[in-house]
Amino acid sequence: MTAIQDKVVLITGASSGIGEATARLLARRGAHVVLGARRTDRLAALAAEIRATGGSASFQRLDVTLRPEMEAFAELALERHDRIDALVNAAGVMPRSPLWMRKIEEWELMIDVNLRGVLLGIAAVLPTMQEQGWGHIVNLLPVSVTGVTAESAVYHGTQYAVDAISEGLRQEHAGRLRVSVLHPELAPPGDPRLERIAAGLAGERMSTRRRLLAPTDAVARSIAGAIEGGYYAAHPVPALLRSPGGRSDSAPEEPAEYAF
């Protein structure tokens, strides 16, 4: 039995990328995973796959920018399992463009998904966690919060905000709730592996693709390690994980691609 066994874990952005990898791993370790994303066909396939191997999975369509859908997502977990042990905020988008291009639609999308979505997730699960007296919120910030790269000012702004919100939440609920922040590393500016997506918002709204240095499975192991109570993945991952104990760990680079 693992420390994840029988935990009820809600995962946003679960139809692809980090969210999908995390759902598979946590289910293998015995968690009851509750999956949310916009693409219900992919959620249904993932849930069926998990159940076929003896795991526990339920799912619901989720647009993290909509408060009623986020609240219904939390209610689904309570209806099925009567508690919420952890929330993994894995939905995110990262368009890139210089500010002078005035891609306001993209700015609004990043604010809505990356910032508002995290806040709505916290708001949906916090009353239950407060009543229980325990709970764990895991936020993903795939950028360093020390500096800004060209063409990513708005994206960095949303990540700084989530980092501040995470720290405030940690301080407000010290000793009762756990808050972890995971930083998978982006390829550095100018790295040829980066994919430019500023040309438009084509494709899945909650899963804009861009190259990162951390494989999805490695990031999922870091998330699992945080939920289990450790702060470092069993397999090296180029990420920084900060948890309530104040410990930080980093690891060598391991190039790969995933959709965040």
C-alpha atoms as a PDB file:
ATOM      1  CA  MET A   1       0.000   0.000   0.000  1.00  0.00           C
ATOM      2  CA  THR A   2       1.242   3.497  -0.867  1.00  0.00           C
ATOM      3  CA  ALA A   3       0.529   6.769   0.906  1.00  0.00           C
ATOM      4  CA  ILE A   4      -1.673   7.630  -2.087  1.00  0.00           C
ATOM      5  CA  GLN A   5      -3.883   4.554  -1.640  1.00  0.00           C
ATOM      6  CA  ASP A   6      -7.590   5.539  -1.411  1.00  0.00           C
ATOM      7  CA  LYS A   7      -6.904   9.290  -1.606  1.00  0.00           C
ATOM      8  CA  VAL A   8      -9.508  11.252  -3.568  1.00  0.00           C
ATOM      9  CA  VAL A   9      -7.603  13.453  -6.016  1.00  0.00           C
ATOM     10  CA  LEU A  10      -9.202  15.972  -8.379  1.00  0.00           C
ATOM     11  CA  ILE A  11      -7.173  16.751 -11.519  1.00  0.00           C
ATOM     12  CA  THR A  12      -7.936  19.612 -13.896  1.00  0.00           C
ATOM     13  CA  GLY A  13      -6.580  19.573 -17.437  1.00  0.00           C
ATOM     14  CA  ALA A  14      -6.747  15.775 -17.274  1.00  0.00           C
ATOM     15  CA  SER A  15      -7.399  15.125 -20.954  1.00  0.00           C
ATOM     16  CA  SER A  16      -3.746  15.497 -21.966  1.00  0.00           C
ATOM     17  CA  GLY A  17      -0.211  16.335 -20.896  1.00  0.00           C
ATOM     18  CA  ILE A  18       0.686  16.527 -17.216  1.00  0.00           C
ATOM     19  CA  GLY A  19      -2.905  16.055 -16.078  1.00  0.00           C
ATOM     20  CA  GLU A  20      -3.340  12.848 -18.067  1.00  0.00           C
ATOM     21  CA  ALA A  21       0.012  11.424 -16.947  1.00  0.00           C
ATOM     22  CA  THR A  22      -0.745  12.303 -13.325  1.00  0.00           C
ATOM     23  CA  ALA A  23      -4.154  10.629 -13.491  1.00  0.00           C
ATOM     24  CA  ARG A  24      -2.635   7.383 -14.762  1.00  0.00           C
ATOM     25  CA  LEU A  25       0.128   7.333 -12.164  1.00  0.00           C
ATOM     26  CA  LEU A  26      -2.038   8.201  -9.164  1.00  0.00           C
ATOM     27  CA  ALA A  27      -4.641   5.638 -10.204  1.00  0.00           C
ATOM     28  CA  ARG A  28      -1.943   2.970 -10.447  1.00  0.00           C
ATOM     29  CA  ARG A  29      -0.912   3.868  -6.911  1.00  0.00           C
ATOM     30  CA  GLY A  30      -4.444   3.393  -5.649  1.00  0.00           C
ATOM     31  CA  ALA A  31      -5.966   6.874  -5.694  1.00  0.00           C
ATOM     32  CA  HIS A  32      -9.554   7.598  -6.656  1.00  0.00           C
ATOM     33  CA  VAL A  33      -8.980  10.110  -9.444  1.00  0.00           C
ATOM     34  CA  VAL A  34     -11.651  12.607 -10.480  1.00  0.00           C
ATOM     35  CA  LEU A  35     -10.869  13.958 -13.931  1.00  0.00           C
ATOM     36  CA  GLY A  36     -11.894  17.283 -15.420  1.00  0.00           C
ATOM     37  CA  ALA A  37     -11.263  18.889 -18.819  1.00  0.00           C
ATOM     38  CA  ARG A  38     -13.162  20.194 -21.827  1.00  0.00           C
ATOM     39  CA  ARG A  39     -12.592  17.155 -24.048  1.00  0.00           C
ATOM     40  CA  THR A  40     -14.963  14.571 -22.592  1.00  0.00           C
ATOM     41  CA  ASP A  41     -14.169  12.006 -25.273  1.00  0.00           C
ATOM     42  CA  ARG A  42     -10.577  11.867 -24.079  1.00  0.00           C
ATOM     43  CA  LEU A  43     -11.652  11.850 -20.433  1.00  0.00           C
ATOM     44  CA  ALA A  44     -14.004   8.932 -21.095  1.00  0.00           C
ATOM     45  CA  ALA A  45     -11.230   6.966 -22.797  1.00  0.00           C
ATOM     46  CA  LEU A  46      -8.778   7.681 -19.981  1.00  0.00           C
ATOM     47  CA  ALA A  47     -11.278   6.743 -17.266  1.00  0.00           C
ATOM     48  CA  ALA A  48     -12.121   3.509 -19.103  1.00  0.00           C
ATOM     49  CA  GLU A  49      -8.426   2.681 -19.404  1.00  0.00           C
ATOM     50  CA  ILE A  50      -7.882   3.250 -15.669  1.00  0.00           C
ATOM     51  CA  ARG A  51     -10.910   1.149 -14.700  1.00  0.00           C
ATOM     52  CA  ALA A  52      -9.849  -1.656 -17.043  1.00  0.00           C
ATOM     53  CA  THR A  53      -6.641  -2.039 -15.052  1.00  0.00           C
ATOM     54  CA  GLY A  54      -8.437  -2.073 -11.698  1.00  0.00           C
ATOM     55  CA  GLY A  55      -8.225   1.637 -10.913  1.00  0.00           C
ATOM     56  CA  SER A  56     -10.875   4.083  -9.773  1.00  0.00           C
ATOM     57  CA  ALA A  57     -11.743   7.016 -12.036  1.00  0.00           C
ATOM     58  CA  SER A  58     -14.685   9.311 -12.647  1.00  0.00           C
ATOM     59  CA  PHE A  59     -14.863  12.317 -14.916  1.00  0.00           C
ATOM     60  CA  GLN A  60     -16.867  15.379 -15.814  1.00  0.00           C
ATOM     61  CA  ARG A  61     -16.639  18.094 -18.433  1.00  0.00           C
ATOM     62  CA  LEU A  62     -14.820  21.038 -16.913  1.00  0.00           C
ATOM     63  CA  ASP A  63     -14.016  24.520 -18.126  1.00  0.00           C
ATOM     64  CA  VAL A  64     -11.901  25.885 -15.283  1.00  0.00           C
ATOM     65  CA  THR A  65     -12.858  29.441 -16.173  1.00  0.00           C
ATOM     66  CA  LEU A  66     -16.508  28.811 -15.257  1.00  0.00           C
ATOM     67  CA  ARG A  67     -17.391  28.875 -11.563  1.00  0.00           C
ATOM     68  CA  PRO A  68     -20.505  26.657 -11.837  1.00  0.00           C
ATOM     69  CA  GLU A  69     -18.547  23.953 -13.665  1.00  0.00           C
ATOM     70  CA  MET A  70     -15.731  24.018 -11.128  1.00  0.00           C
ATOM     71  CA  GLU A  71     -18.184  23.798  -8.236  1.00  0.00           C
ATOM     72  CA  ALA A  72     -19.989  20.907  -9.947  1.00  0.00           C
ATOM     73  CA  PHE A  73     -16.628  19.178 -10.404  1.00  0.00           C
ATOM     74  CA  ALA A  74     -15.976  19.321  -6.660  1.00  0.00           C
ATOM     75  CA  GLU A  75     -19.531  18.147  -5.979  1.00  0.00           C
ATOM     76  CA  LEU A  76     -18.944  15.110  -8.200  1.00  0.00           C
ATOM     77  CA  ALA A  77     -16.013  14.093  -5.991  1.00  0.00           C
ATOM     78  CA  LEU A  78     -18.107  14.497  -2.849  1.00  0.00           C
ATOM     79  CA  GLU A  79     -21.013  12.538  -4.315  1.00  0.00           C
ATOM     80  CA  ARG A  80     -18.755   9.660  -5.321  1.00  0.00           C
ATOM     81  CA  HIS A  81     -16.317   9.612  -2.400  1.00  0.00           C
ATOM     82  CA  ASP A  82     -17.639  11.902   0.355  1.00  0.00           C
ATOM     83  CA  ARG A  83     -14.344  13.767   0.700  1.00  0.00           C
ATOM     84  CA  ILE A  84     -11.617  15.596  -1.228  1.00  0.00           C
ATOM     85  CA  ASP A  85      -8.007  14.856  -0.303  1.00  0.00           C
ATOM     86  CA  ALA A  86      -6.160  16.763  -3.021  1.00  0.00           C
ATOM     87  CA  LEU A  87      -6.600  19.065  -5.998  1.00  0.00           C
ATOM     88  CA  VAL A  88      -4.032  19.166  -8.801  1.00  0.00           C
ATOM     89  CA  ASN A  89      -4.410  22.317 -10.921  1.00  0.00           C
ATOM     90  CA  ALA A  90      -2.936  21.050 -14.188  1.00  0.00           C
ATOM     91  CA  ALA A  91      -4.910  23.107 -16.717  1.00  0.00           C
ATOM     92  CA  GLY A  92      -2.905  25.856 -18.366  1.00  0.00           C
ATOM     93  CA  VAL A  93      -2.177  27.741 -21.579  1.00  0.00           C
ATOM     94  CA  MET A  94       0.929  29.641 -22.628  1.00  0.00           C
ATOM     95  CA  PRO A  95       0.664  31.683 -25.821  1.00  0.00           C
ATOM     96  CA  ARG A  96       3.690  33.887 -26.578  1.00  0.00           C
ATOM     97  CA  SER A  97       3.708  37.266 -28.301  1.00  0.00           C
ATOM     98  CA  PRO A  98       5.190  40.734 -27.676  1.00  0.00           C
ATOM     99  CA  LEU A  99       2.872  43.167 -25.945  1.00  0.00           C
ATOM    100  CA  TRP A 100       2.911  45.561 -28.905  1.00  0.00           C
ATOM    101  CA  MET A 101       0.973  42.983 -30.951  1.00  0.00           C
ATOM    102  CA  ARG A 102      -1.957  43.555 -28.556  1.00  0.00           C
ATOM    103  CA  LYS A 103      -3.199  39.968 -28.611  1.00  0.00           C
ATOM    104  CA  ILE A 104      -5.767  40.836 -25.987  1.00  0.00           C
ATOM    105  CA  GLU A 105      -7.785  37.677 -26.576  1.00  0.00           C
ATOM    106  CA  GLU A 106      -4.739  35.632 -25.636  1.00  0.00           C
ATOM    107  CA  TRP A 107      -4.080  37.791 -22.559  1.00  0.00           C
ATOM    108  CA  GLU A 108      -7.645  37.212 -21.415  1.00  0.00           C
ATOM    109  CA  LEU A 109      -7.320  33.490 -22.040  1.00  0.00           C
ATOM    110  CA  MET A 110      -4.163  33.226 -19.928  1.00  0.00           C
ATOM    111  CA  ILE A 111      -5.689  35.238 -17.097  1.00  0.00           C
ATOM    112  CA  ASP A 112      -8.886  33.180 -17.226  1.00  0.00           C
ATOM    113  CA  VAL A 113      -7.279  29.729 -17.395  1.00  0.00           C
ATOM    114  CA  ASN A 114      -3.977  30.134 -15.553  1.00  0.00           C
ATOM    115  CA  LEU A 115      -5.107  32.478 -12.788  1.00  0.00           C
ATOM    116  CA  ARG A 116      -8.892  32.534 -12.524  1.00  0.00           C
ATOM    117  CA  GLY A 117      -9.007  28.751 -13.047  1.00  0.00           C
ATOM    118  CA  VAL A 118      -6.656  28.161 -10.121  1.00  0.00           C
ATOM    119  CA  LEU A 119      -8.621  30.523  -7.881  1.00  0.00           C
ATOM    120  CA  LEU A 120     -11.924  28.882  -8.797  1.00  0.00           C
ATOM    121  CA  GLY A 121     -10.408  25.465  -8.095  1.00  0.00           C
ATOM    122  CA  ILE A 122      -9.236  26.591  -4.669  1.00  0.00           C
ATOM    123  CA  ALA A 123     -12.639  28.155  -3.945  1.00  0.00           C
ATOM    124  CA  ALA A 124     -14.441  24.950  -4.944  1.00  0.00           C
ATOM    125  CA  VAL A 125     -12.502  22.603  -2.662  1.00  0.00           C
ATOM    126  CA  LEU A 126     -11.513  24.862   0.236  1.00  0.00           C
ATOM    127  CA  PRO A 127     -14.780  24.676   2.221  1.00  0.00           C
ATOM    128  CA  THR A 128     -14.636  20.866   2.190  1.00  0.00           C
ATOM    129  CA  MET A 129     -10.969  20.794   3.133  1.00  0.00           C
ATOM    130  CA  GLN A 130     -11.562  23.259   5.973  1.00  0.00           C
ATOM    131  CA  GLU A 131     -14.428  21.151   7.300  1.00  0.00           C
ATOM    132  CA  GLN A 132     -12.356  17.970   7.052  1.00  0.00           C
ATOM    133  CA  GLY A 133      -9.353  19.600   8.667  1.00  0.00           C
ATOM    134  CA  TRP A 134      -7.029  18.360   5.943  1.00  0.00           C
ATOM    135  CA  GLY A 135      -6.352  18.670   2.230  1.00  0.00           C
ATOM    136  CA  HIS A 136      -3.620  19.322  -0.314  1.00  0.00           C
ATOM    137  CA  ILE A 137      -3.528  21.722  -3.266  1.00  0.00           C
ATOM    138  CA  VAL A 138      -0.848  21.288  -5.938  1.00  0.00           C
ATOM    139  CA  ASN A 139      -0.241  24.133  -8.394  1.00  0.00           C
ATOM    140  CA  LEU A 140       1.977  23.915 -11.483  1.00  0.00           C
ATOM    141  CA  LEU A 141       4.063  26.896 -12.580  1.00  0.00           C
ATOM    142  CA  PRO A 142       6.118  25.963 -15.670  1.00  0.00           C
ATOM    143  CA  VAL A 143       8.302  29.072 -15.441  1.00  0.00           C
ATOM    144  CA  SER A 144      10.815  30.446 -13.022  1.00  0.00           C
ATOM    145  CA  VAL A 145       9.312  33.166 -10.847  1.00  0.00           C
ATOM    146  CA  THR A 146      12.564  35.144 -10.945  1.00  0.00           C
ATOM    147  CA  GLY A 147      12.469  37.196 -14.107  1.00  0.00           C
ATOM    148  CA  VAL A 148      10.537  37.551 -17.338  1.00  0.00           C
ATOM    149  CA  THR A 149      11.326  36.334 -20.844  1.00  0.00           C
ATOM    150  CA  ALA A 150      10.552  38.305 -23.969  1.00  0.00           C
ATOM    151  CA  GLU A 151       7.126  37.690 -25.482  1.00  0.00           C
ATOM    152  CA  SER A 152       5.894  36.016 -22.274  1.00  0.00           C
ATOM    153  CA  ALA A 153       5.130  38.989 -20.027  1.00  0.00           C
ATOM    154  CA  VAL A 154       1.445  38.232 -19.509  1.00  0.00           C
ATOM    155  CA  TYR A 155       2.065  34.527 -19.015  1.00  0.00           C
ATOM    156  CA  HIS A 156       4.739  35.248 -16.418  1.00  0.00           C
ATOM    157  CA  GLY A 157       2.355  37.665 -14.727  1.00  0.00           C
ATOM    158  CA  THR A 158      -0.226  34.908 -14.264  1.00  0.00           C
ATOM    159  CA  GLN A 159       2.425  32.592 -12.868  1.00  0.00           C
ATOM    160  CA  TYR A 160       3.707  35.193 -10.386  1.00  0.00           C
ATOM    161  CA  ALA A 161       0.131  35.684  -9.223  1.00  0.00           C
ATOM    162  CA  VAL A 162      -0.442  31.953  -8.705  1.00  0.00           C
ATOM    163  CA  ASP A 163       2.820  31.716  -6.778  1.00  0.00           C
ATOM    164  CA  ALA A 164       1.716  34.552  -4.481  1.00  0.00           C
ATOM    165  CA  ILE A 165      -1.731  33.023  -4.019  1.00  0.00           C
ATOM    166  CA  SER A 166      -0.163  29.662  -3.183  1.00  0.00           C
ATOM    167  CA  GLU A 167       2.086  31.230  -0.562  1.00  0.00           C
ATOM    168  CA  GLY A 168      -0.797  33.176   0.955  1.00  0.00           C
ATOM    169  CA  LEU A 169      -2.949  30.053   1.108  1.00  0.00           C
ATOM    170  CA  ARG A 170      -0.098  28.143   2.722  1.00  0.00           C
ATOM    171  CA  GLN A 171       0.314  30.811   5.407  1.00  0.00           C
ATOM    172  CA  GLU A 172      -3.416  31.093   6.090  1.00  0.00           C
ATOM    173  CA  HIS A 173      -3.813  27.351   6.597  1.00  0.00           C
ATOM    174  CA  ALA A 174      -0.447  26.368   8.066  1.00  0.00           C
ATOM    175  CA  GLY A 175      -0.689  23.101   9.948  1.00  0.00           C
ATOM    176  CA  ARG A 176      -4.049  22.207   8.404  1.00  0.00           C
ATOM    177  CA  LEU A 177      -3.771  22.233   4.614  1.00  0.00           C
ATOM    178  CA  ARG A 178      -0.757  21.516   2.437  1.00  0.00           C
ATOM    179  CA  VAL A 179       0.073  23.658  -0.579  1.00  0.00           C
ATOM    180  CA  SER A 180       2.753  22.607  -3.071  1.00  0.00           C
ATOM    181  CA  VAL A 181       4.097  24.510  -6.071  1.00  0.00           C
ATOM    182  CA  LEU A 182       5.832  22.548  -8.832  1.00  0.00           C
ATOM    183  CA  HIS A 183       8.061  24.260 -11.410  1.00  0.00           C
ATOM    184  CA  PRO A 184       8.779  22.115 -14.497  1.00  0.00           C
ATOM    185  CA  GLU A 185      11.501  23.980 -16.384  1.00  0.00           C
ATOM    186  CA  LEU A 186      10.918  25.616 -19.755  1.00  0.00           C
ATOM    187  CA  ALA A 187      13.573  25.520 -22.418  1.00  0.00           C
ATOM    188  CA  PRO A 188      15.575  28.779 -22.232  1.00  0.00           C
ATOM    189  CA  PRO A 189      14.715  31.719 -24.520  1.00  0.00           C
ATOM    190  CA  GLY A 190      15.985  31.098 -28.044  1.00  0.00           C
ATOM    191  CA  ASP A 191      16.133  27.332 -27.603  1.00  0.00           C
ATOM    192  CA  PRO A 192      15.148  25.768 -30.973  1.00  0.00           C
ATOM    193  CA  ARG A 193      12.873  23.311 -29.170  1.00  0.00           C
ATOM    194  CA  LEU A 194      10.407  26.032 -28.245  1.00  0.00           C
ATOM    195  CA  GLU A 195       7.259  26.065 -30.332  1.00  0.00           C
ATOM    196  CA  ARG A 196       5.757  29.365 -31.310  1.00  0.00           C
ATOM    197  CA  ILE A 197       2.000  29.354 -30.822  1.00  0.00           C
ATOM    198  CA  ALA A 198       1.349  33.093 -30.888  1.00  0.00           C
ATOM    199  CA  ALA A 199      -0.154  32.898 -34.387  1.00  0.00           C
ATOM    200  CA  GLY A 200      -3.524  31.948 -32.989  1.00  0.00           C
ATOM    201  CA  LEU A 201      -5.543  29.937 -30.515  1.00  0.00           C
ATOM    202  CA  ALA A 202      -5.980  26.844 -32.683  1.00  0.00           C
ATOM    203  CA  GLY A 203      -6.534  23.500 -31.006  1.00  0.00           C
ATOM    204  CA  GLU A 204      -7.650  22.512 -27.551  1.00  0.00           C
ATOM    205  CA  ARG A 205      -8.130  25.612 -25.413  1.00  0.00           C
ATOM    206  CA  MET A 206      -6.953  23.974 -22.218  1.00  0.00           C
ATOM    207  CA  SER A 207      -3.910  22.252 -23.706  1.00  0.00           C
ATOM    208  CA  THR A 208      -1.750  24.636 -25.734  1.00  0.00           C
ATOM    209  CA  ARG A 209       1.401  22.784 -26.775  1.00  0.00           C
ATOM    210  CA  ARG A 210       4.915  23.958 -26.106  1.00  0.00           C
ATOM    211  CA  ARG A 211       8.204  22.200 -25.545  1.00  0.00           C
ATOM    212  CA  LEU A 212       9.390  21.795 -21.977  1.00  0.00           C
ATOM    213  CA  LEU A 213      12.395  20.091 -20.504  1.00  0.00           C
ATOM    214  CA  ALA A 214      10.414  17.813 -18.182  1.00  0.00           C
ATOM    215  CA  PRO A 215       8.666  14.694 -19.519  1.00  0.00           C
ATOM    216  CA  THR A 216       5.062  14.386 -18.438  1.00  0.00           C
ATOM    217  CA  ASP A 217       5.701  11.146 -16.577  1.00  0.00           C
ATOM    218  CA  ALA A 218       8.537  12.717 -14.610  1.00  0.00           C
ATOM    219  CA  VAL A 219       6.384  15.691 -13.615  1.00  0.00           C
ATOM    220  CA  ALA A 220       3.620  13.261 -12.627  1.00  0.00           C
ATOM    221  CA  ARG A 221       6.072  11.460 -10.347  1.00  0.00           C
ATOM    222  CA  SER A 222       6.936  14.771  -8.686  1.00  0.00           C
ATOM    223  CA  ILE A 223       3.246  15.438  -8.110  1.00  0.00           C
ATOM    224  CA  ALA A 224       2.779  11.948  -6.693  1.00  0.00           C
ATOM    225  CA  GLY A 225       5.779  12.486  -4.429  1.00  0.00           C
ATOM    226  CA  ALA A 226       4.270  15.699  -3.093  1.00  0.00           C
ATOM    227  CA  ILE A 227       0.930  14.035  -2.395  1.00  0.00           C
ATOM    228  CA  GLU A 228       2.638  11.093  -0.719  1.00  0.00           C
ATOM    229  CA  GLY A 229       4.411  13.516   1.591  1.00  0.00           C
ATOM    230  CA  GLY A 230       7.855  13.643  -0.011  1.00  0.00           C
ATOM    231  CA  TYR A 231       9.186  16.586  -1.942  1.00  0.00           C
ATOM    232  CA  TYR A 232      11.247  14.898  -4.648  1.00  0.00           C
ATOM    233  CA  ALA A 233      10.355  12.573  -7.492  1.00  0.00           C
ATOM    234  CA  ALA A 234      11.673   9.017  -7.535  1.00  0.00           C
ATOM    235  CA  HIS A 235      13.039   9.738 -11.027  1.00  0.00           C
ATOM    236  CA  PRO A 236      15.072  12.887 -11.743  1.00  0.00           C
ATOM    237  CA  VAL A 237      12.927  15.675 -13.147  1.00  0.00           C
ATOM    238  CA  PRO A 238      14.050  19.172 -14.143  1.00  0.00           C
ATOM    239  CA  ALA A 239      11.705  20.871 -11.737  1.00  0.00           C
ATOM    240  CA  LEU A 240      11.608  22.671  -8.435  1.00  0.00           C
ATOM    241  CA  LEU A 241       9.048  21.559  -5.883  1.00  0.00           C
ATOM    242  CA  ARG A 242       8.300  23.708  -2.866  1.00  0.00           C
ATOM    243  CA  SER A 243       6.149  22.333  -0.080  1.00  0.00           C
ATOM    244  CA  PRO A 244       5.156  23.439   3.431  1.00  0.00           C
ATOM    245  CA  GLY A 245       8.356  22.155   4.990  1.00  0.00           C
ATOM    246  CA  GLY A 246      10.306  24.707   3.001  1.00  0.00           C
ATOM    247  CA  ARG A 247      12.500  22.112   1.321  1.00  0.00           C
ATOM    248  CA  SER A 248      13.472  22.567  -2.326  1.00  0.00           C
ATOM    249  CA  ASP A 249      15.040  20.076  -4.712  1.00  0.00           C
ATOM    250  CA  SER A 250      16.239  20.300  -8.273  1.00  0.00           C
ATOM    251  CA  ALA A 251      17.522  17.789 -10.815  1.00  0.00           C
ATOM    252  CA  PRO A 252      19.382  17.631 -14.134  1.00  0.00           C
ATOM    253  CA  GLU A 253      17.737  18.408 -17.439  1.00  0.00           C
ATOM    254  CA  GLU A 254      15.993  15.664 -19.388  1.00  0.00           C
ATOM    255  CA  PRO A 255      14.610  16.943 -22.707  1.00  0.00           C
ATOM    256  CA  ALA A 256      11.113  15.936 -23.814  1.00  0.00           C
ATOM    257  CA  GLU A 257       7.859  17.425 -24.967  1.00  0.00           C
ATOM    258  CA  TYR A 258       4.421  17.586 -23.425  1.00  0.00           C
ATOM    259  CA  ALA A 259       1.226  19.571 -23.622  1.00  0.00           C
ATOM    260  CA  PHE A 260       0.538  21.650 -20.534  1.00  0.00           C
END
